[in-house]
N, C-alpha and C. Protein backbone atom coordinates (compact mmCIF):
# COMPACT_ATOMS: atom_id res chain seq x y z
N MET A 1 42.04 18.65 -41.56
CA MET A 1 42.23 18.13 -40.23
C MET A 1 43.40 17.48 -40.25
N THR A 2 43.62 17.00 -38.72
CA THR A 2 44.97 16.10 -39.57
C THR A 2 44.37 14.89 -38.76
N THR A 3 45.30 14.51 -38.53
CA THR A 3 44.84 12.74 -37.99
C THR A 3 44.57 12.44 -36.80
N PHE A 4 46.05 12.90 -35.91
CA PHE A 4 45.42 13.24 -34.54
C PHE A 4 44.15 13.74 -34.16
N GLN A 5 43.87 15.00 -34.92
CA GLN A 5 42.29 15.80 -34.48
C GLN A 5 41.64 14.43 -35.01
N THR A 6 41.62 13.81 -36.32
CA THR A 6 40.17 13.06 -36.12
C THR A 6 40.03 11.73 -35.53
N ASN A 7 40.89 11.47 -35.39
CA ASN A 7 41.35 10.06 -33.39
C ASN A 7 40.66 10.45 -32.38
N LEU A 8 40.83 12.37 -32.65
CA LEU A 8 40.68 13.04 -30.93
C LEU A 8 38.90 13.07 -31.29
N LEU A 9 38.89 13.94 -32.69
CA LEU A 9 37.18 14.05 -32.58
C LEU A 9 36.49 12.28 -32.49
N ASN A 10 36.89 10.64 -32.75
CA ASN A 10 36.89 9.77 -32.76
C ASN A 10 36.09 9.66 -31.34
N LYS A 11 37.78 9.58 -30.76
CA LYS A 11 37.35 9.20 -29.31
C LYS A 11 36.35 9.97 -28.61
N PHE A 12 36.09 11.42 -28.66
CA PHE A 12 34.86 11.64 -28.32
C PHE A 12 33.17 11.11 -28.42
N LYS A 13 32.92 11.31 -29.68
CA LYS A 13 32.24 10.69 -29.96
C LYS A 13 31.76 9.45 -29.75
N MET A 14 32.82 8.08 -29.74
CA MET A 14 32.66 7.21 -28.95
C MET A 14 31.94 7.72 -27.35
N LYS A 15 32.84 8.34 -27.32
CA LYS A 15 32.84 8.60 -25.60
C LYS A 15 30.95 9.00 -25.04
N LYS A 16 30.38 10.12 -26.54
CA LYS A 16 29.68 10.27 -25.63
C LYS A 16 28.80 9.25 -26.28
N MET A 17 28.67 9.10 -27.02
CA MET A 17 27.54 7.40 -27.74
C MET A 17 27.88 6.78 -26.31
N LYS A 18 28.90 5.73 -25.25
CA LYS A 18 28.89 5.33 -24.49
C LYS A 18 28.45 5.77 -23.97
N THR A 19 28.51 7.05 -23.34
CA THR A 19 27.90 7.86 -22.18
C THR A 19 25.91 7.54 -22.45
N LYS A 20 25.93 7.69 -23.26
CA LYS A 20 24.18 7.71 -23.87
C LYS A 20 23.76 6.42 -23.48
N ILE A 21 24.89 5.60 -24.54
CA ILE A 21 23.57 4.15 -24.25
C ILE A 21 24.01 3.52 -22.20
N LEU A 22 25.22 4.15 -21.88
CA LEU A 22 24.49 3.85 -20.87
C LEU A 22 23.45 4.72 -19.60
N VAL A 23 23.22 5.59 -20.19
CA VAL A 23 23.05 6.24 -19.38
C VAL A 23 21.08 5.61 -19.95
N THR A 24 21.48 4.93 -20.87
CA THR A 24 19.68 4.27 -21.84
C THR A 24 19.88 3.21 -20.39
N VAL A 25 20.24 2.76 -21.22
CA VAL A 25 20.57 0.94 -20.04
C VAL A 25 20.10 1.07 -18.44
N LEU A 26 20.81 2.07 -18.13
CA LEU A 26 20.09 2.10 -16.38
C LEU A 26 19.21 2.49 -15.81
N SER A 27 18.53 4.29 -16.56
CA SER A 27 17.34 4.25 -16.99
C SER A 27 16.80 3.05 -17.19
N ILE A 28 16.24 2.33 -17.57
CA ILE A 28 15.98 0.82 -18.51
C ILE A 28 16.47 -0.04 -16.93
N ILE A 29 16.38 -0.21 -16.13
CA ILE A 29 17.37 -0.98 -15.84
C ILE A 29 16.70 -0.31 -13.89
N ILE A 30 16.64 0.25 -13.80
CA ILE A 30 16.26 1.41 -12.82
C ILE A 30 14.17 1.25 -13.25
N SER A 31 14.39 2.06 -14.16
CA SER A 31 12.25 1.39 -14.57
C SER A 31 11.76 0.31 -14.05
N ALA A 32 12.35 -0.79 -14.58
CA ALA A 32 11.98 -2.39 -14.21
C ALA A 32 12.74 -2.40 -12.99
N GLY A 33 13.06 -2.58 -12.23
CA GLY A 33 13.14 -2.91 -11.55
C GLY A 33 12.21 -2.15 -10.49
N LEU A 34 11.11 -0.49 -10.48
CA LEU A 34 10.31 0.05 -9.82
C LEU A 34 8.61 -0.58 -10.78
N HIS A 35 9.45 -1.15 -11.68
CA HIS A 35 8.43 -1.41 -12.16
C HIS A 35 7.87 -3.15 -11.33
N THR A 36 8.78 -4.05 -11.27
CA THR A 36 8.78 -5.09 -11.30
C THR A 36 8.18 -5.56 -9.87
N VAL A 37 8.13 -4.61 -8.85
CA VAL A 37 8.53 -4.55 -6.86
C VAL A 37 7.26 -5.56 -7.07
N SER A 38 7.24 -6.82 -6.55
CA SER A 38 6.51 -6.98 -5.24
C SER A 38 7.17 -7.99 -4.08
N ALA A 39 6.72 -7.02 -2.53
CA ALA A 39 6.89 -7.01 -1.99
C ALA A 39 5.65 -7.20 -1.07
N GLN A 40 5.88 -8.15 0.46
CA GLN A 40 3.97 -8.38 0.96
C GLN A 40 4.57 -7.98 2.48
N HIS A 41 4.52 -7.00 2.76
CA HIS A 41 4.82 -6.87 4.39
C HIS A 41 3.33 -6.70 5.60
N GLU A 42 4.06 -7.62 6.33
CA GLU A 42 2.55 -7.05 7.26
C GLU A 42 2.79 -6.57 8.53
N GLY A 43 2.33 -5.17 8.43
CA GLY A 43 2.50 -4.42 10.57
C GLY A 43 1.54 -3.56 10.12
N HIS A 44 1.90 -2.21 10.99
CA HIS A 44 0.55 -1.43 11.42
C HIS A 44 2.04 -1.04 11.88
N GLY A 45 0.88 0.64 11.36
CA GLY A 45 1.53 1.64 11.36
C GLY A 45 0.56 3.17 12.02
N GLY A 46 1.40 3.74 11.20
CA GLY A 46 -0.52 5.98 11.96
C GLY A 46 -1.29 5.61 11.11
N MET A 47 -1.92 6.60 11.33
CA MET A 47 -3.27 6.92 11.27
C MET A 47 -3.23 7.86 9.70
N GLY A 48 -2.06 8.68 9.66
CA GLY A 48 -1.71 8.95 7.62
C GLY A 48 -0.54 8.15 7.85
N GLY A 49 1.14 7.21 8.18
CA GLY A 49 1.51 6.97 8.18
C GLY A 49 0.97 5.92 6.88
N MET A 50 2.67 5.53 6.39
CA MET A 50 2.50 4.17 5.10
C MET A 50 3.34 3.79 5.00
N SER A 51 3.80 3.32 6.56
CA SER A 51 4.21 2.05 7.24
C SER A 51 3.32 1.13 6.87
N GLY A 52 3.83 -0.26 6.64
CA GLY A 52 2.66 -1.41 6.49
C GLY A 52 2.30 -1.29 4.97
N MET A 53 2.67 -0.55 4.10
CA MET A 53 2.44 -0.44 3.04
C MET A 53 3.79 -0.76 2.01
N SER A 54 3.04 -1.48 0.51
CA SER A 54 4.17 -1.95 -0.03
C SER A 54 3.38 -1.81 -1.58
N PRO A 55 3.96 -1.79 -2.54
CA PRO A 55 3.67 -1.70 -3.53
C PRO A 55 3.24 -3.08 -4.43
N THR A 56 2.62 -2.75 -4.67
CA THR A 56 2.65 -5.11 -6.03
C THR A 56 2.29 -4.63 -6.33
N THR A 57 3.30 -4.66 -7.83
CA THR A 57 2.44 -5.27 -9.39
C THR A 57 3.19 -6.00 -10.11
N SER A 58 2.90 -6.27 -11.61
CA SER A 58 4.07 -7.36 -12.39
C SER A 58 4.45 -6.28 -13.55
N ALA A 59 3.91 -5.66 -13.93
CA ALA A 59 4.47 -4.17 -15.13
C ALA A 59 4.33 -3.07 -14.45
N LYS A 60 3.89 -2.59 -14.00
CA LYS A 60 3.90 -1.08 -13.56
C LYS A 60 2.89 -0.26 -11.96
N ILE A 61 3.72 0.50 -10.94
CA ILE A 61 3.15 0.33 -10.37
C ILE A 61 1.27 0.97 -11.13
N SER A 62 0.90 0.23 -10.27
CA SER A 62 -0.06 0.35 -10.00
C SER A 62 -1.35 -0.05 -8.59
N SER A 63 -0.88 -0.27 -7.70
CA SER A 63 -1.99 -0.72 -6.73
C SER A 63 -0.20 -1.33 -5.29
N PHE A 64 -0.44 -0.58 -3.95
CA PHE A 64 -0.56 -0.93 -2.73
C PHE A 64 -1.44 -1.68 -1.92
N GLU A 65 -0.07 -2.13 -1.08
CA GLU A 65 -1.06 -3.18 -0.40
C GLU A 65 -0.83 -2.62 1.29
N ASP A 66 -1.37 -2.41 2.24
CA ASP A 66 -1.50 -1.93 3.13
C ASP A 66 -1.93 -3.18 4.05
N PHE A 67 -1.20 -3.10 5.53
CA PHE A 67 -2.20 -4.21 6.15
C PHE A 67 -2.45 -2.69 8.27
N MET A 68 -3.69 -3.20 9.11
CA MET A 68 -3.99 -3.42 9.54
C MET A 68 -4.08 -3.57 10.55
N LYS A 69 -4.12 -3.55 12.09
CA LYS A 69 -4.97 -4.50 12.61
C LYS A 69 -6.07 -3.83 12.75
N VAL A 70 -7.21 -4.48 13.03
CA VAL A 70 -8.45 -4.48 13.26
C VAL A 70 -9.62 -5.30 14.02
N LYS A 71 -10.42 -4.64 15.33
CA LYS A 71 -10.11 -5.21 16.62
C LYS A 71 -11.91 -6.03 15.35
N GLY A 72 -12.33 -7.02 15.80
CA GLY A 72 -13.83 -8.48 15.97
C GLY A 72 -13.30 -9.79 16.13
N ASN A 73 -14.62 -9.58 15.86
CA ASN A 73 -14.90 -11.14 16.63
C ASN A 73 -15.44 -11.96 15.29
N CYS A 74 -16.32 -11.78 14.40
CA CYS A 74 -16.98 -13.70 13.74
C CYS A 74 -17.19 -12.58 12.72
N ASP A 75 -17.93 -13.61 11.87
CA ASP A 75 -17.92 -13.72 10.40
C ASP A 75 -18.66 -12.25 9.71
N LEU A 76 -19.71 -11.48 10.81
CA LEU A 76 -20.00 -10.31 10.56
C LEU A 76 -19.33 -9.61 10.28
N CYS A 77 -18.82 -9.19 11.55
CA CYS A 77 -17.35 -8.47 11.47
C CYS A 77 -16.83 -8.29 10.21
N LYS A 78 -16.35 -9.25 9.67
CA LYS A 78 -15.65 -9.52 8.95
C LYS A 78 -16.39 -8.99 7.24
N LYS A 79 -17.59 -9.73 7.57
CA LYS A 79 -18.51 -8.94 6.10
C LYS A 79 -18.64 -6.68 6.17
N ARG A 80 -18.65 -6.31 7.75
CA ARG A 80 -19.22 -4.73 8.28
C ARG A 80 -17.21 -4.35 8.09
N ILE A 81 -16.24 -4.76 8.18
CA ILE A 81 -15.08 -4.09 8.19
C ILE A 81 -14.73 -4.39 6.35
N GLU A 82 -14.73 -5.76 5.71
CA GLU A 82 -14.68 -5.66 4.25
C GLU A 82 -14.70 -4.37 3.78
N THR A 83 -16.44 -4.48 3.71
CA THR A 83 -17.46 -3.71 3.43
C THR A 83 -16.87 -1.77 2.94
N ALA A 84 -16.94 -1.86 3.99
CA ALA A 84 -16.24 -0.32 5.01
C ALA A 84 -15.76 0.17 4.59
N ALA A 85 -14.38 -0.69 4.71
CA ALA A 85 -12.87 -0.09 3.67
C ALA A 85 -13.18 -0.17 1.60
N VAL A 86 -13.65 -1.43 1.51
CA VAL A 86 -13.85 -1.25 0.00
C VAL A 86 -14.31 -0.15 -0.64
N LEU A 87 -15.19 0.70 0.01
CA LEU A 87 -16.67 1.52 -0.36
C LEU A 87 -15.21 2.61 -0.31
N VAL A 88 -14.36 3.06 0.55
CA VAL A 88 -13.98 4.41 0.49
C VAL A 88 -13.38 3.70 -1.62
N PRO A 89 -13.64 5.19 -1.43
CA PRO A 89 -12.48 6.11 -3.73
C PRO A 89 -11.17 5.29 -3.01
N GLY A 90 -10.57 4.57 -4.36
CA GLY A 90 -9.22 4.27 -4.31
C GLY A 90 -9.09 2.71 -3.57
N VAL A 91 -9.85 2.54 -3.32
CA VAL A 91 -10.09 0.52 -2.56
C VAL A 91 -11.01 -0.04 -3.40
N GLN A 92 -8.91 -0.98 -3.88
CA GLN A 92 -9.64 -1.69 -4.45
C GLN A 92 -10.97 -3.70 -4.52
N ASN A 93 -9.87 -3.84 -3.22
CA ASN A 93 -9.95 -4.77 -2.04
C ASN A 93 -9.90 -5.11 -0.43
N ALA A 94 -10.31 -5.61 0.23
CA ALA A 94 -10.28 -5.32 1.65
C ALA A 94 -11.08 -6.71 2.44
N GLU A 95 -8.96 -7.34 3.10
CA GLU A 95 -9.88 -8.16 3.77
C GLU A 95 -9.33 -8.80 4.68
N TRP A 96 -10.21 -8.98 5.63
CA TRP A 96 -9.68 -8.80 6.41
C TRP A 96 -9.65 -10.76 7.41
N ASP A 97 -8.15 -10.94 8.62
CA ASP A 97 -8.62 -11.52 8.83
C ASP A 97 -8.81 -12.04 10.26
N LYS A 98 -10.19 -13.35 10.58
CA LYS A 98 -10.10 -13.48 12.18
C LYS A 98 -9.66 -13.31 12.77
N LYS A 99 -8.47 -14.63 13.17
CA LYS A 99 -7.80 -15.36 13.85
C LYS A 99 -6.39 -13.96 13.79
N THR A 100 -6.24 -13.63 12.62
CA THR A 100 -4.95 -12.46 13.07
C THR A 100 -5.08 -11.08 13.34
N LYS A 101 -6.52 -10.64 12.63
CA LYS A 101 -6.99 -9.54 12.83
C LYS A 101 -6.58 -7.80 11.65
N ASN A 102 -5.78 -8.94 10.61
CA ASN A 102 -5.26 -7.55 10.53
C ASN A 102 -5.75 -7.70 8.84
N LEU A 103 -6.25 -5.97 8.68
CA LEU A 103 -6.61 -6.39 7.19
C LEU A 103 -5.55 -5.65 6.25
N LYS A 104 -6.42 -6.03 5.23
CA LYS A 104 -5.67 -6.33 3.60
C LYS A 104 -5.83 -5.63 3.18
N VAL A 105 -5.55 -3.99 2.60
CA VAL A 105 -6.26 -3.02 1.76
C VAL A 105 -5.73 -3.33 0.73
N THR A 106 -6.88 -3.47 -0.17
CA THR A 106 -5.13 -2.96 -1.84
C THR A 106 -5.26 -1.78 -2.62
N TYR A 107 -4.83 -0.98 -2.87
CA TYR A 107 -5.15 0.76 -2.81
C TYR A 107 -5.80 0.87 -4.94
N THR A 108 -6.36 0.95 -5.56
CA THR A 108 -5.96 1.28 -6.99
C THR A 108 -5.80 2.64 -7.67
N ASP A 109 -5.32 3.42 -5.92
CA ASP A 109 -5.25 4.60 -6.45
C ASP A 109 -4.10 5.24 -5.37
N VAL A 110 -3.19 6.70 -5.46
CA VAL A 110 -3.08 6.61 -4.87
C VAL A 110 -3.65 6.80 -2.43
N PRO A 111 -2.73 5.87 -2.12
CA PRO A 111 -2.63 5.25 -0.85
C PRO A 111 -4.06 6.69 0.24
N LYS A 112 -4.93 5.64 1.14
CA LYS A 112 -5.57 6.24 1.61
C LYS A 112 -6.37 5.51 2.74
N ARG A 113 -5.25 5.71 3.12
CA ARG A 113 -5.49 5.23 4.94
C ARG A 113 -5.80 5.86 6.12
N LYS A 114 -5.86 6.65 6.00
CA LYS A 114 -7.08 7.63 6.86
C LYS A 114 -8.22 7.34 6.66
N ASP A 115 -8.22 7.04 5.29
CA ASP A 115 -9.79 7.49 4.71
C ASP A 115 -10.72 6.26 4.91
N VAL A 116 -9.60 4.73 4.55
CA VAL A 116 -9.59 3.57 5.48
C VAL A 116 -10.51 3.53 7.29
N GLN A 117 -9.14 4.31 7.17
CA GLN A 117 -9.07 3.75 9.00
C GLN A 117 -10.56 4.49 9.57
N GLU A 118 -11.01 5.41 8.84
CA GLU A 118 -12.24 6.35 9.15
C GLU A 118 -12.95 5.61 9.24
N ALA A 119 -13.34 5.20 7.63
CA ALA A 119 -14.71 4.35 6.78
C ALA A 119 -14.80 3.05 9.08
N VAL A 120 -13.97 2.54 8.24
CA VAL A 120 -13.78 1.69 9.33
C VAL A 120 -14.41 1.93 11.67
N LEU A 121 -13.72 2.79 11.84
CA LEU A 121 -14.11 2.76 12.47
C LEU A 121 -15.76 3.75 12.89
N LYS A 122 -16.49 3.82 11.80
CA LYS A 122 -17.65 4.31 11.60
C LYS A 122 -18.77 3.12 12.33
N THR A 123 -17.86 2.03 11.23
CA THR A 123 -18.83 0.69 11.81
C THR A 123 -18.22 0.39 13.35
N GLY A 124 -17.87 0.89 14.26
CA GLY A 124 -17.60 0.28 15.32
C GLY A 124 -16.32 -0.50 15.76
N HIS A 125 -15.39 -0.52 14.53
CA HIS A 125 -15.30 -1.45 15.02
C HIS A 125 -13.28 -0.32 15.30
N ASP A 126 -12.81 -1.23 16.24
CA ASP A 126 -11.79 -0.39 17.24
C ASP A 126 -9.99 -0.97 16.89
N PHE A 127 -9.39 0.26 16.18
CA PHE A 127 -7.61 -0.35 15.43
C PHE A 127 -6.84 -0.31 16.49
N GLU A 128 -5.92 -0.97 16.12
CA GLU A 128 -4.90 -1.00 17.48
C GLU A 128 -3.98 0.43 17.89
N ILE A 129 -4.62 1.95 17.41
CA ILE A 129 -4.12 2.98 17.34
C ILE A 129 -5.84 4.36 17.37
N ALA A 130 -6.05 3.82 17.14
CA ALA A 130 -7.67 3.80 17.23
C ALA A 130 -8.34 3.80 17.76
N GLN A 131 -9.41 4.42 18.30
CA GLN A 131 -10.75 3.32 19.03
C GLN A 131 -12.05 4.33 18.21
N ALA A 132 -12.75 3.79 17.81
CA ALA A 132 -13.80 4.14 17.41
C ALA A 132 -14.77 4.13 18.59
N THR A 133 -16.12 5.14 18.26
CA THR A 133 -16.54 6.08 19.17
C THR A 133 -17.70 5.51 20.13
N ASP A 134 -18.03 5.13 20.97
CA ASP A 134 -18.70 4.40 22.28
C ASP A 134 -19.54 4.44 21.57
N GLU A 135 -20.75 5.39 20.77
CA GLU A 135 -22.36 4.71 20.25
C GLU A 135 -22.07 4.36 19.00
N ALA A 136 -20.78 4.19 18.18
CA ALA A 136 -20.56 3.81 17.29
C ALA A 136 -20.69 1.80 18.07
N TYR A 137 -19.56 1.70 18.12
CA TYR A 137 -19.12 0.50 18.93
C TYR A 137 -20.82 0.01 19.52
N ASN A 138 -22.02 0.70 20.35
CA ASN A 138 -22.64 0.23 21.06
C ASN A 138 -24.12 -0.52 19.87
N GLU A 139 -23.84 -0.05 18.75
CA GLU A 139 -24.42 -0.38 17.89
C GLU A 139 -24.33 -1.73 17.16
N LEU A 140 -22.63 -2.22 18.12
CA LEU A 140 -22.85 -3.57 17.17
C LEU A 140 -23.80 -4.76 17.57
N PRO A 141 -23.77 -5.21 17.01
CA PRO A 141 -24.87 -6.86 17.50
C PRO A 141 -24.14 -7.56 18.88
N GLU A 142 -24.30 -8.13 19.79
CA GLU A 142 -23.44 -8.90 20.54
C GLU A 142 -22.21 -9.19 20.61
N CYS A 143 -22.28 -10.54 18.83
CA CYS A 143 -20.91 -11.35 18.84
C CYS A 143 -20.54 -10.31 18.46
N CYS A 144 -20.33 -8.89 17.75
CA CYS A 144 -19.71 -8.80 17.50
C CYS A 144 -18.59 -7.58 18.89
N LYS A 145 -19.11 -7.90 19.51
CA LYS A 145 -18.88 -6.58 20.82
C LYS A 145 -17.55 -7.49 21.51
N TYR A 146 -16.24 -7.30 21.26
CA TYR A 146 -14.43 -7.22 22.27
C TYR A 146 -13.73 -6.98 22.87
N ARG A 147 -14.78 -5.57 23.04
CA ARG A 147 -14.17 -5.00 24.37
C ARG A 147 -14.51 -5.46 25.65
N VAL A 148 -13.52 -5.48 26.93
CA VAL A 148 -14.15 -5.36 28.75
C VAL A 148 -14.25 -4.86 28.93
N LYS A 149 -16.11 -5.72 29.18
CA LYS A 149 -16.61 -4.01 30.36
C LYS A 149 -15.77 -4.14 31.76
N LYS A 150 -15.99 -3.04 31.60
CA LYS A 150 -15.08 -3.11 33.58
C LYS A 150 -16.04 -2.88 34.89
């Protein structure tokens, strides 16, 4: 093998090695970027959509936060709404804010927004985009009723 061929082969090996290193480094950067996402988004979306959701993690994507508007008035509403949401499989935590009417749900599994909404609707509480049945709403204590009577 000539010196020219040897040099050419070495350059090729160096390029190949640099490419492998570059691919590895980019993979690490992308992976690290995905695993250190920490965002909070207050909003709400459709029944089956994921708008209003944001991944929150420290080491890897292990949970999602979702925000939904739920109608209610008092601490009894808060307890009922949070309990209904947290009983849905895959939900780690639920917090309802009486002032803002925001329900913050933390999922530990695949987000199940529709399941949470259905569970809360069954307790008689409305969402901005969906209304509980009159039967479920009428079961609420008087202090929890928020619909304007016509």
